[in-house]
Each structure stands twice: as C-alpha cells, then as structure tokens.
Amino acid sequence: MKYVVTIGGRSHEVVVDGGHVEVEGKRIQAELRTIPGTSLRQLILPESSTVFVMVPGPSGQWLVQDRGERYEVEALDERTHYIRGLVGAGKSHTGGGVLKAPMPGLVVRLMVEPGQAVVAGQGILVLEAMKMENELKAAGPGVIERIDVTVGQAVEKGQLLMLLGAGDWGSGPSTGR
C-alpha cells in the first residue's frame, strides 16, 4: 500500500509491501513492532534495530521522539492524501468561504444547517463517490450561511455545496443535528 508520510514539512512516498518498505526508490526489509502496554515502537531493519516513543497527536498526526529529538509525523494513504489535496485540508484558514464538491458524487448526509456555527475540522457533509463515503469538513471556523444541495442529490466536481460566513459566533459550535 502506498502512503504519503510528512515529517517536518517534507513529504515522502512510502510503499509498504508485506515485510518490505520502499522509500524514495530504495526497497528495504523492515518491521515496526509495538511494545505491548507502552507507547514504544521498535523498528527492525536488516542490520539494526531502534526503539522510540510514538503517541497519537492532533488531527491524525503522530508525535515521535527518538534519541531526544521530537518529530510530528503524518502518514496518509494515497487516497486520503489525494482527497485532502482536492478539498484543501490542512491549509491555514481564517473562517468563512465556500465548500465545493472535490469530485462527482451523491450527497448522503448533511451534518449542519443554515445559521449553525462550525469549527475548523468539523464534519459538515458526507459525499459518496466511487462507493466510498467521504466526510467533508469545515476548513476554518464560521457560520453556515447557505446550503445549496439536498440529501440524495448528485453533484459534479467543483459544484458549490454550501457557503460559510466568517461570522462572530463565540467559542464553540452549536449542537447541530
């Protein structure tokens, strides 16, 4: 399986194939083991082995500490990386804006309603594409001003789904649906 692994702002394509890993064209034998009951991981390579701390961080990232150095690591499968690129996840956002369909699909679920406040990363709509459900999230904080689609509606790539206003809504989201 192919992943995009980002460490310190630099991305690498990593292919995991059984007990082998290919990084930047180099294929090596590798095994990553969890040490039960701890946040320690052991990376076993043909000629060496290392143990490091690996704990879940914010937004699906991992915090890794190895020999006194601390790293933020994000590992996304190829499909998730592609979808994030289409919808702009992870980009700095000050609030408000538009949500457009990142691909053709079918609106399966609306998770917000007009007038509702949302926070960055909050799920706002589920779009089915290629038999997979994709939860689209707010890029930044705001208030849902307008929803231009309905559940069951087919949409095209780039079609406007909803409009978010920056708004002054306080410190948290409403309870929604």
N, C-alpha and C. Protein backbone atom coordinates (compact mmCIF):
# COMPACT_ATOMS: atom_id res chain seq x y z
N MET A 1 0.85 -1.17 0.00
CA MET A 1 0.00 0.00 0.00
C MET A 1 0.89 1.23 0.00
N LYS A 2 0.47 2.27 -0.73
CA LYS A 2 1.25 3.49 -0.83
C LYS A 2 0.75 4.53 0.17
N TYR A 3 1.70 5.20 0.82
CA TYR A 3 1.41 6.26 1.78
C TYR A 3 2.22 7.50 1.43
N VAL A 4 1.72 8.65 1.88
CA VAL A 4 2.49 9.88 1.84
C VAL A 4 2.78 10.22 3.29
N VAL A 5 4.06 10.20 3.65
CA VAL A 5 4.49 10.43 5.02
C VAL A 5 5.17 11.80 5.07
N THR A 6 4.67 12.67 5.96
CA THR A 6 5.22 14.01 6.09
C THR A 6 5.90 14.14 7.44
N ILE A 7 7.17 14.53 7.40
CA ILE A 7 7.97 14.73 8.60
C ILE A 7 8.64 16.09 8.49
N GLY A 8 8.36 16.96 9.44
CA GLY A 8 8.99 18.28 9.42
C GLY A 8 8.70 19.07 8.15
N GLY A 9 7.49 18.93 7.61
CA GLY A 9 7.09 19.66 6.42
C GLY A 9 7.57 19.06 5.11
N ARG A 10 8.32 17.98 5.16
CA ARG A 10 8.82 17.33 3.95
C ARG A 10 8.08 16.01 3.74
N SER A 11 7.51 15.81 2.54
CA SER A 11 6.73 14.62 2.25
C SER A 11 7.55 13.58 1.49
N HIS A 12 7.25 12.32 1.79
CA HIS A 12 7.93 11.19 1.16
C HIS A 12 6.87 10.17 0.75
N GLU A 13 7.05 9.56 -0.43
CA GLU A 13 6.19 8.45 -0.82
C GLU A 13 6.78 7.18 -0.23
N VAL A 14 5.94 6.42 0.46
CA VAL A 14 6.37 5.19 1.10
C VAL A 14 5.43 4.08 0.66
N VAL A 15 6.01 2.99 0.15
CA VAL A 15 5.21 1.84 -0.25
C VAL A 15 5.50 0.70 0.72
N VAL A 16 4.44 0.19 1.36
CA VAL A 16 4.57 -0.92 2.29
C VAL A 16 4.05 -2.16 1.59
N ASP A 17 4.92 -3.17 1.52
CA ASP A 17 4.57 -4.41 0.83
C ASP A 17 5.03 -5.58 1.70
N GLY A 18 4.13 -6.06 2.54
CA GLY A 18 4.49 -7.15 3.46
C GLY A 18 5.59 -6.70 4.40
N GLY A 19 6.70 -7.42 4.42
CA GLY A 19 7.82 -7.10 5.29
C GLY A 19 8.84 -6.18 4.64
N HIS A 20 8.46 -5.55 3.53
CA HIS A 20 9.38 -4.64 2.84
C HIS A 20 8.76 -3.24 2.74
N VAL A 21 9.64 -2.24 2.74
CA VAL A 21 9.24 -0.85 2.61
C VAL A 21 10.09 -0.22 1.52
N GLU A 22 9.45 0.57 0.65
CA GLU A 22 10.19 1.29 -0.37
C GLU A 22 10.05 2.78 -0.09
N VAL A 23 11.19 3.44 0.11
CA VAL A 23 11.22 4.87 0.38
C VAL A 23 12.14 5.52 -0.63
N GLU A 24 11.59 6.46 -1.40
CA GLU A 24 12.35 7.19 -2.42
C GLU A 24 13.15 6.24 -3.30
N GLY A 25 12.48 5.16 -3.74
CA GLY A 25 13.09 4.22 -4.67
C GLY A 25 13.96 3.15 -4.04
N LYS A 26 14.24 3.24 -2.75
CA LYS A 26 15.06 2.24 -2.07
C LYS A 26 14.14 1.25 -1.36
N ARG A 27 14.30 -0.04 -1.68
CA ARG A 27 13.48 -1.09 -1.07
C ARG A 27 14.31 -1.79 0.00
N ILE A 28 13.75 -1.83 1.23
CA ILE A 28 14.46 -2.49 2.33
C ILE A 28 13.49 -3.36 3.11
N GLN A 29 14.05 -4.34 3.79
CA GLN A 29 13.26 -5.17 4.67
C GLN A 29 13.09 -4.39 5.97
N ALA A 30 11.86 -4.29 6.48
CA ALA A 30 11.61 -3.54 7.71
C ALA A 30 10.38 -4.07 8.42
N GLU A 31 10.42 -3.98 9.74
CA GLU A 31 9.27 -4.39 10.54
C GLU A 31 9.12 -3.39 11.68
N LEU A 32 7.90 -2.91 11.90
CA LEU A 32 7.61 -2.00 13.00
C LEU A 32 6.75 -2.75 14.01
N ARG A 33 7.26 -2.88 15.23
CA ARG A 33 6.55 -3.61 16.27
C ARG A 33 6.13 -2.65 17.38
N THR A 34 4.96 -2.92 17.95
CA THR A 34 4.50 -2.18 19.13
C THR A 34 4.93 -2.98 20.36
N ILE A 35 5.49 -2.29 21.34
CA ILE A 35 5.85 -2.96 22.59
C ILE A 35 4.60 -2.87 23.47
N PRO A 36 3.95 -4.02 23.74
CA PRO A 36 2.66 -4.03 24.43
C PRO A 36 2.67 -3.26 25.75
N GLY A 37 1.58 -2.50 25.96
CA GLY A 37 1.39 -1.76 27.19
C GLY A 37 2.19 -0.47 27.29
N THR A 38 2.85 -0.08 26.20
CA THR A 38 3.66 1.14 26.21
C THR A 38 3.39 1.94 24.93
N SER A 39 3.94 3.13 24.87
CA SER A 39 3.88 3.91 23.64
C SER A 39 5.18 3.76 22.85
N LEU A 40 5.92 2.69 23.14
CA LEU A 40 7.18 2.43 22.45
C LEU A 40 6.97 1.59 21.20
N ARG A 41 7.75 1.89 20.19
CA ARG A 41 7.75 1.11 18.95
C ARG A 41 9.19 0.67 18.69
N GLN A 42 9.33 -0.50 18.07
CA GLN A 42 10.65 -1.00 17.70
C GLN A 42 10.68 -1.15 16.19
N LEU A 43 11.64 -0.49 15.56
CA LEU A 43 11.85 -0.60 14.12
C LEU A 43 13.01 -1.55 13.90
N ILE A 44 12.72 -2.65 13.22
CA ILE A 44 13.73 -3.67 12.98
C ILE A 44 14.11 -3.64 11.50
N LEU A 45 15.38 -3.38 11.24
CA LEU A 45 15.96 -3.35 9.90
C LEU A 45 16.95 -4.50 9.80
N PRO A 46 17.42 -4.85 8.60
CA PRO A 46 18.34 -5.99 8.46
C PRO A 46 19.60 -5.88 9.33
N GLU A 47 20.16 -4.70 9.48
CA GLU A 47 21.41 -4.58 10.22
C GLU A 47 21.31 -3.77 11.51
N SER A 48 20.09 -3.33 11.87
CA SER A 48 19.96 -2.55 13.10
C SER A 48 18.53 -2.60 13.61
N SER A 49 18.39 -2.11 14.84
CA SER A 49 17.09 -2.03 15.48
C SER A 49 17.09 -0.78 16.34
N THR A 50 15.97 -0.08 16.40
CA THR A 50 15.88 1.10 17.25
C THR A 50 14.51 1.14 17.92
N VAL A 51 14.48 1.67 19.13
CA VAL A 51 13.25 1.81 19.90
C VAL A 51 12.99 3.30 20.08
N PHE A 52 11.73 3.72 19.89
CA PHE A 52 11.37 5.13 20.03
C PHE A 52 9.95 5.25 20.56
N VAL A 53 9.61 6.45 21.03
CA VAL A 53 8.28 6.74 21.55
C VAL A 53 7.42 7.24 20.39
N MET A 54 6.17 6.75 20.32
CA MET A 54 5.25 7.16 19.25
C MET A 54 3.85 7.24 19.84
N VAL A 55 3.30 8.48 19.94
CA VAL A 55 1.97 8.66 20.51
C VAL A 55 1.09 9.43 19.52
N PRO A 56 -0.22 9.14 19.53
CA PRO A 56 -1.12 9.89 18.65
C PRO A 56 -1.11 11.37 19.01
N GLY A 57 -1.11 12.22 17.98
CA GLY A 57 -1.16 13.67 18.17
C GLY A 57 -2.45 14.23 17.63
N PRO A 58 -2.53 15.54 17.44
CA PRO A 58 -3.74 16.16 16.92
C PRO A 58 -3.94 15.88 15.44
N SER A 59 -5.18 15.86 15.01
CA SER A 59 -5.55 15.77 13.59
C SER A 59 -4.93 14.59 12.87
N GLY A 60 -4.85 13.43 13.53
CA GLY A 60 -4.35 12.24 12.86
C GLY A 60 -2.84 12.17 12.74
N GLN A 61 -2.14 13.10 13.36
CA GLN A 61 -0.69 13.06 13.30
C GLN A 61 -0.16 12.17 14.42
N TRP A 62 1.13 11.88 14.34
CA TRP A 62 1.83 11.13 15.38
C TRP A 62 2.96 11.99 15.91
N LEU A 63 3.18 11.93 17.21
CA LEU A 63 4.32 12.60 17.82
C LEU A 63 5.34 11.51 18.10
N VAL A 64 6.53 11.68 17.52
CA VAL A 64 7.58 10.67 17.62
C VAL A 64 8.78 11.29 18.32
N GLN A 65 9.31 10.58 19.30
CA GLN A 65 10.52 11.04 19.98
C GLN A 65 11.57 9.95 19.86
N ASP A 66 12.71 10.34 19.29
CA ASP A 66 13.80 9.40 19.06
C ASP A 66 15.12 10.06 19.44
N ARG A 67 15.81 9.49 20.37
CA ARG A 67 17.13 9.99 20.83
C ARG A 67 17.10 11.47 21.17
N GLY A 68 16.07 11.88 21.91
CA GLY A 68 15.97 13.26 22.37
C GLY A 68 15.38 14.23 21.37
N GLU A 69 15.16 13.83 20.13
CA GLU A 69 14.55 14.67 19.11
C GLU A 69 13.07 14.33 19.01
N ARG A 70 12.26 15.37 18.81
CA ARG A 70 10.82 15.18 18.71
C ARG A 70 10.36 15.58 17.29
N TYR A 71 9.51 14.75 16.68
CA TYR A 71 9.03 14.97 15.32
C TYR A 71 7.51 14.84 15.27
N GLU A 72 6.89 15.66 14.42
CA GLU A 72 5.47 15.46 14.11
C GLU A 72 5.43 14.73 12.79
N VAL A 73 4.73 13.60 12.77
CA VAL A 73 4.68 12.75 11.59
C VAL A 73 3.22 12.54 11.19
N GLU A 74 2.95 12.65 9.90
CA GLU A 74 1.61 12.36 9.40
C GLU A 74 1.77 11.33 8.29
N ALA A 75 1.02 10.24 8.39
CA ALA A 75 1.04 9.19 7.37
C ALA A 75 -0.36 9.05 6.80
N LEU A 76 -0.51 9.40 5.53
CA LEU A 76 -1.81 9.31 4.87
C LEU A 76 -1.75 8.29 3.75
N ASP A 77 -2.79 7.46 3.64
CA ASP A 77 -2.83 6.58 2.49
C ASP A 77 -3.02 7.44 1.24
N GLU A 78 -2.69 6.87 0.10
CA GLU A 78 -2.70 7.61 -1.16
C GLU A 78 -4.05 8.27 -1.45
N ARG A 79 -5.14 7.57 -1.18
CA ARG A 79 -6.48 8.10 -1.45
C ARG A 79 -6.80 9.30 -0.56
N THR A 80 -6.51 9.19 0.75
CA THR A 80 -6.78 10.29 1.68
C THR A 80 -5.94 11.51 1.31
N HIS A 81 -4.68 11.29 0.95
CA HIS A 81 -3.80 12.39 0.55
C HIS A 81 -4.38 13.11 -0.68
N TYR A 82 -4.87 12.34 -1.64
CA TYR A 82 -5.45 12.91 -2.86
C TYR A 82 -6.69 13.74 -2.53
N ILE A 83 -7.57 13.21 -1.69
CA ILE A 83 -8.81 13.92 -1.34
C ILE A 83 -8.48 15.19 -0.57
N ARG A 84 -7.54 15.13 0.36
CA ARG A 84 -7.14 16.34 1.10
C ARG A 84 -6.61 17.41 0.16
N GLY A 85 -5.88 16.99 -0.85
CA GLY A 85 -5.38 17.94 -1.83
C GLY A 85 -6.50 18.63 -2.59
N LEU A 86 -7.57 17.88 -2.84
CA LEU A 86 -8.71 18.46 -3.57
C LEU A 86 -9.50 19.44 -2.73
N VAL A 87 -9.69 19.11 -1.44
CA VAL A 87 -10.53 19.95 -0.59
C VAL A 87 -9.72 20.97 0.22
N GLY A 88 -8.40 20.91 0.13
CA GLY A 88 -7.57 21.91 0.79
C GLY A 88 -7.40 21.70 2.27
N ALA A 89 -7.57 20.48 2.77
CA ALA A 89 -7.41 20.23 4.21
C ALA A 89 -5.99 20.56 4.63
N GLY A 90 -5.87 21.11 5.82
CA GLY A 90 -4.56 21.41 6.38
C GLY A 90 -4.05 22.79 6.04
N LYS A 91 -4.68 23.50 5.15
CA LYS A 91 -4.25 24.84 4.82
C LYS A 91 -4.75 25.82 5.87
N SER A 92 -4.01 26.86 6.11
CA SER A 92 -4.42 27.87 7.09
C SER A 92 -5.69 28.55 6.59
N HIS A 93 -6.64 28.74 7.50
CA HIS A 93 -7.92 29.30 7.10
C HIS A 93 -8.45 30.17 8.22
N THR A 94 -8.92 31.35 7.90
CA THR A 94 -9.38 32.27 8.94
C THR A 94 -10.88 32.21 9.17
N GLY A 95 -11.62 31.45 8.40
CA GLY A 95 -13.05 31.32 8.60
C GLY A 95 -13.82 31.76 7.37
N GLY A 96 -15.02 31.22 7.25
CA GLY A 96 -15.85 31.54 6.11
C GLY A 96 -15.36 30.85 4.85
N GLY A 97 -16.03 31.13 3.74
CA GLY A 97 -15.63 30.56 2.46
C GLY A 97 -16.71 29.71 1.84
N VAL A 98 -16.32 28.95 0.84
CA VAL A 98 -17.26 28.08 0.15
C VAL A 98 -16.78 26.64 0.24
N LEU A 99 -17.72 25.72 0.18
CA LEU A 99 -17.39 24.30 0.11
C LEU A 99 -17.87 23.83 -1.25
N LYS A 100 -16.92 23.32 -2.05
CA LYS A 100 -17.25 22.79 -3.37
C LYS A 100 -16.98 21.30 -3.38
N ALA A 101 -17.69 20.59 -4.26
CA ALA A 101 -17.51 19.15 -4.37
C ALA A 101 -16.11 18.85 -4.91
N PRO A 102 -15.31 18.05 -4.19
CA PRO A 102 -13.98 17.72 -4.66
C PRO A 102 -13.98 16.69 -5.78
N MET A 103 -15.14 16.05 -6.00
CA MET A 103 -15.28 15.01 -7.01
C MET A 103 -16.77 14.83 -7.29
N PRO A 104 -17.13 14.21 -8.39
CA PRO A 104 -18.55 13.92 -8.62
C PRO A 104 -19.03 12.91 -7.57
N GLY A 105 -20.26 13.03 -7.16
CA GLY A 105 -20.78 12.09 -6.17
C GLY A 105 -22.22 12.36 -5.81
N LEU A 106 -22.65 11.72 -4.73
CA LEU A 106 -24.02 11.81 -4.26
C LEU A 106 -23.99 12.32 -2.82
N VAL A 107 -24.80 13.34 -2.52
CA VAL A 107 -24.88 13.86 -1.16
C VAL A 107 -25.64 12.83 -0.32
N VAL A 108 -24.97 12.28 0.68
CA VAL A 108 -25.55 11.24 1.52
C VAL A 108 -26.11 11.81 2.81
N ARG A 109 -25.40 12.81 3.39
CA ARG A 109 -25.83 13.34 4.68
C ARG A 109 -25.36 14.78 4.83
N LEU A 110 -26.26 15.62 5.33
CA LEU A 110 -25.92 16.99 5.72
C LEU A 110 -25.79 16.97 7.23
N MET A 111 -24.66 17.45 7.75
CA MET A 111 -24.40 17.38 9.18
C MET A 111 -24.58 18.74 9.87
N VAL A 112 -24.98 19.75 9.09
CA VAL A 112 -25.18 21.10 9.62
C VAL A 112 -26.44 21.68 9.00
N GLU A 113 -26.84 22.85 9.50
CA GLU A 113 -27.98 23.56 8.93
C GLU A 113 -27.65 25.05 8.89
N PRO A 114 -28.36 25.81 8.07
CA PRO A 114 -28.09 27.25 7.99
C PRO A 114 -28.17 27.91 9.37
N GLY A 115 -27.22 28.80 9.63
CA GLY A 115 -27.17 29.51 10.90
C GLY A 115 -26.33 28.81 11.95
N GLN A 116 -25.92 27.58 11.68
CA GLN A 116 -25.14 26.82 12.65
C GLN A 116 -23.67 27.23 12.60
N ALA A 117 -23.06 27.39 13.77
CA ALA A 117 -21.64 27.68 13.87
C ALA A 117 -20.84 26.39 13.76
N VAL A 118 -19.69 26.46 13.09
CA VAL A 118 -18.81 25.30 12.95
C VAL A 118 -17.38 25.71 13.30
N VAL A 119 -16.59 24.71 13.65
CA VAL A 119 -15.17 24.93 13.94
C VAL A 119 -14.34 24.23 12.86
N ALA A 120 -13.09 24.62 12.74
CA ALA A 120 -12.19 24.00 11.77
C ALA A 120 -12.13 22.50 12.00
N GLY A 121 -12.27 21.73 10.93
CA GLY A 121 -12.19 20.28 11.02
C GLY A 121 -13.49 19.59 11.34
N GLN A 122 -14.55 20.35 11.60
CA GLN A 122 -15.85 19.74 11.91
C GLN A 122 -16.48 19.20 10.64
N GLY A 123 -17.01 17.98 10.72
CA GLY A 123 -17.70 17.38 9.59
C GLY A 123 -18.96 18.16 9.27
N ILE A 124 -19.17 18.46 7.96
CA ILE A 124 -20.36 19.23 7.61
C ILE A 124 -21.21 18.58 6.52
N LEU A 125 -20.63 17.63 5.76
CA LEU A 125 -21.39 17.00 4.69
C LEU A 125 -20.71 15.68 4.34
N VAL A 126 -21.50 14.66 3.99
CA VAL A 126 -20.95 13.39 3.55
C VAL A 126 -21.32 13.20 2.08
N LEU A 127 -20.28 12.94 1.28
CA LEU A 127 -20.43 12.77 -0.16
C LEU A 127 -19.99 11.36 -0.52
N GLU A 128 -20.85 10.62 -1.23
CA GLU A 128 -20.47 9.28 -1.66
C GLU A 128 -19.91 9.37 -3.07
N ALA A 129 -18.73 8.79 -3.24
CA ALA A 129 -18.09 8.76 -4.55
C ALA A 129 -17.35 7.44 -4.68
N MET A 130 -17.48 6.80 -5.79
CA MET A 130 -16.83 5.51 -6.05
C MET A 130 -17.12 4.50 -4.93
N LYS A 131 -18.36 4.46 -4.47
CA LYS A 131 -18.84 3.54 -3.44
C LYS A 131 -18.18 3.76 -2.09
N MET A 132 -17.59 4.94 -1.89
CA MET A 132 -16.98 5.27 -0.60
C MET A 132 -17.61 6.55 -0.07
N GLU A 133 -17.86 6.60 1.23
CA GLU A 133 -18.38 7.82 1.85
C GLU A 133 -17.22 8.70 2.28
N ASN A 134 -17.26 9.97 1.88
CA ASN A 134 -16.21 10.93 2.20
C ASN A 134 -16.81 12.07 3.01
N GLU A 135 -16.32 12.23 4.24
CA GLU A 135 -16.81 13.30 5.09
C GLU A 135 -16.04 14.57 4.76
N LEU A 136 -16.76 15.61 4.31
CA LEU A 136 -16.14 16.89 4.02
C LEU A 136 -16.22 17.73 5.28
N LYS A 137 -15.13 18.45 5.57
CA LYS A 137 -15.03 19.19 6.82
C LYS A 137 -14.83 20.67 6.59
N ALA A 138 -15.21 21.45 7.59
CA ALA A 138 -15.01 22.90 7.52
C ALA A 138 -13.52 23.20 7.56
N ALA A 139 -13.06 24.04 6.63
CA ALA A 139 -11.64 24.40 6.58
C ALA A 139 -11.27 25.35 7.71
N GLY A 140 -12.24 26.07 8.23
CA GLY A 140 -11.99 27.01 9.32
C GLY A 140 -13.28 27.30 10.06
N PRO A 141 -13.21 28.09 11.09
CA PRO A 141 -14.42 28.42 11.85
C PRO A 141 -15.35 29.32 11.04
N GLY A 142 -16.63 29.23 11.31
CA GLY A 142 -17.59 30.08 10.60
C GLY A 142 -19.01 29.72 10.93
N VAL A 143 -19.91 30.29 10.16
CA VAL A 143 -21.34 30.04 10.32
C VAL A 143 -21.88 29.62 8.96
N ILE A 144 -22.69 28.57 8.93
CA ILE A 144 -23.29 28.10 7.68
C ILE A 144 -24.30 29.14 7.23
N GLU A 145 -24.01 29.80 6.11
CA GLU A 145 -24.93 30.82 5.58
C GLU A 145 -25.97 30.22 4.65
N ARG A 146 -25.52 29.26 3.81
CA ARG A 146 -26.43 28.74 2.80
C ARG A 146 -25.99 27.32 2.42
N ILE A 147 -26.97 26.44 2.24
CA ILE A 147 -26.71 25.09 1.75
C ILE A 147 -27.39 24.96 0.41
N ASP A 148 -26.62 24.65 -0.63
CA ASP A 148 -27.14 24.63 -2.00
C ASP A 148 -27.46 23.23 -2.52
N VAL A 149 -27.40 22.21 -1.67
CA VAL A 149 -27.68 20.84 -2.09
C VAL A 149 -28.63 20.18 -1.09
N THR A 150 -29.19 19.05 -1.50
CA THR A 150 -30.08 18.28 -0.63
C THR A 150 -29.58 16.83 -0.59
N VAL A 151 -29.97 16.11 0.43
CA VAL A 151 -29.61 14.70 0.54
C VAL A 151 -30.20 13.96 -0.66
N GLY A 152 -29.40 13.11 -1.26
CA GLY A 152 -29.83 12.35 -2.43
C GLY A 152 -29.50 13.02 -3.75
N GLN A 153 -29.00 14.24 -3.71
CA GLN A 153 -28.68 14.99 -4.93
C GLN A 153 -27.31 14.58 -5.48
N ALA A 154 -27.25 14.35 -6.78
CA ALA A 154 -25.97 14.09 -7.45
C ALA A 154 -25.29 15.43 -7.73
N VAL A 155 -23.98 15.48 -7.50
CA VAL A 155 -23.23 16.72 -7.74
C VAL A 155 -22.03 16.44 -8.63
N GLU A 156 -21.58 17.48 -9.30
CA GLU A 156 -20.41 17.39 -10.17
C GLU A 156 -19.20 17.97 -9.45
N LYS A 157 -18.01 17.58 -9.88
CA LYS A 157 -16.78 18.13 -9.31
C LYS A 157 -16.79 19.65 -9.47
N GLY A 158 -16.47 20.36 -8.38
CA GLY A 158 -16.41 21.82 -8.41
C GLY A 158 -17.74 22.51 -8.12
N GLN A 159 -18.82 21.74 -8.02
CA GLN A 159 -20.14 22.34 -7.76
C GLN A 159 -20.19 22.91 -6.35
N LEU A 160 -20.78 24.09 -6.20
CA LEU A 160 -20.94 24.73 -4.89
C LEU A 160 -21.90 23.91 -4.04
N LEU A 161 -21.45 23.53 -2.84
CA LEU A 161 -22.27 22.75 -1.93
C LEU A 161 -22.88 23.63 -0.84
N MET A 162 -22.03 24.49 -0.25
CA MET A 162 -22.54 25.40 0.77
C MET A 162 -21.62 26.60 0.92
N LEU A 163 -22.18 27.64 1.52
CA LEU A 163 -21.47 28.90 1.74
C LEU A 163 -21.34 29.09 3.25
N LEU A 164 -20.11 29.40 3.69
CA LEU A 164 -19.84 29.65 5.10
C LEU A 164 -19.41 31.09 5.27
N GLY A 165 -19.99 31.76 6.25
CA GLY A 165 -19.59 33.12 6.57
C GLY A 165 -18.63 33.09 7.75
N ALA A 166 -17.75 34.09 7.83
CA ALA A 166 -16.79 34.14 8.92
C ALA A 166 -17.51 34.29 10.24
N GLY A 167 -18.46 35.22 10.32
CA GLY A 167 -19.31 35.38 11.49
C GLY A 167 -18.59 35.61 12.80
N ASP A 168 -19.29 36.11 13.77
CA ASP A 168 -18.80 36.27 15.13
C ASP A 168 -19.70 35.42 15.99
N TRP A 169 -19.26 34.19 16.27
CA TRP A 169 -20.17 33.23 16.86
C TRP A 169 -19.74 32.73 18.23
N GLY A 170 -18.73 33.26 18.81
CA GLY A 170 -18.35 32.81 20.15
C GLY A 170 -17.32 31.73 20.15
N SER A 171 -17.32 30.91 21.19
CA SER A 171 -16.21 29.99 21.39
C SER A 171 -16.44 28.56 20.96
N GLY A 172 -17.61 28.20 20.49
CA GLY A 172 -17.79 26.80 20.14
C GLY A 172 -18.94 26.59 19.20
N PRO A 173 -19.05 25.36 18.68
CA PRO A 173 -20.11 25.05 17.73
C PRO A 173 -21.44 24.84 18.43
N SER A 174 -22.51 25.00 17.65
CA SER A 174 -23.83 24.66 18.18
C SER A 174 -23.95 23.15 18.16
N THR A 175 -24.99 22.64 18.75
CA THR A 175 -25.13 21.17 18.81
C THR A 175 -25.50 20.58 17.47
N GLY A 176 -26.10 21.35 16.58
CA GLY A 176 -26.40 20.84 15.23
C GLY A 176 -27.42 19.73 15.27
N ARG A 177 -27.34 18.84 14.27
CA ARG A 177 -28.29 17.72 14.16
C ARG A 177 -27.79 16.52 14.89
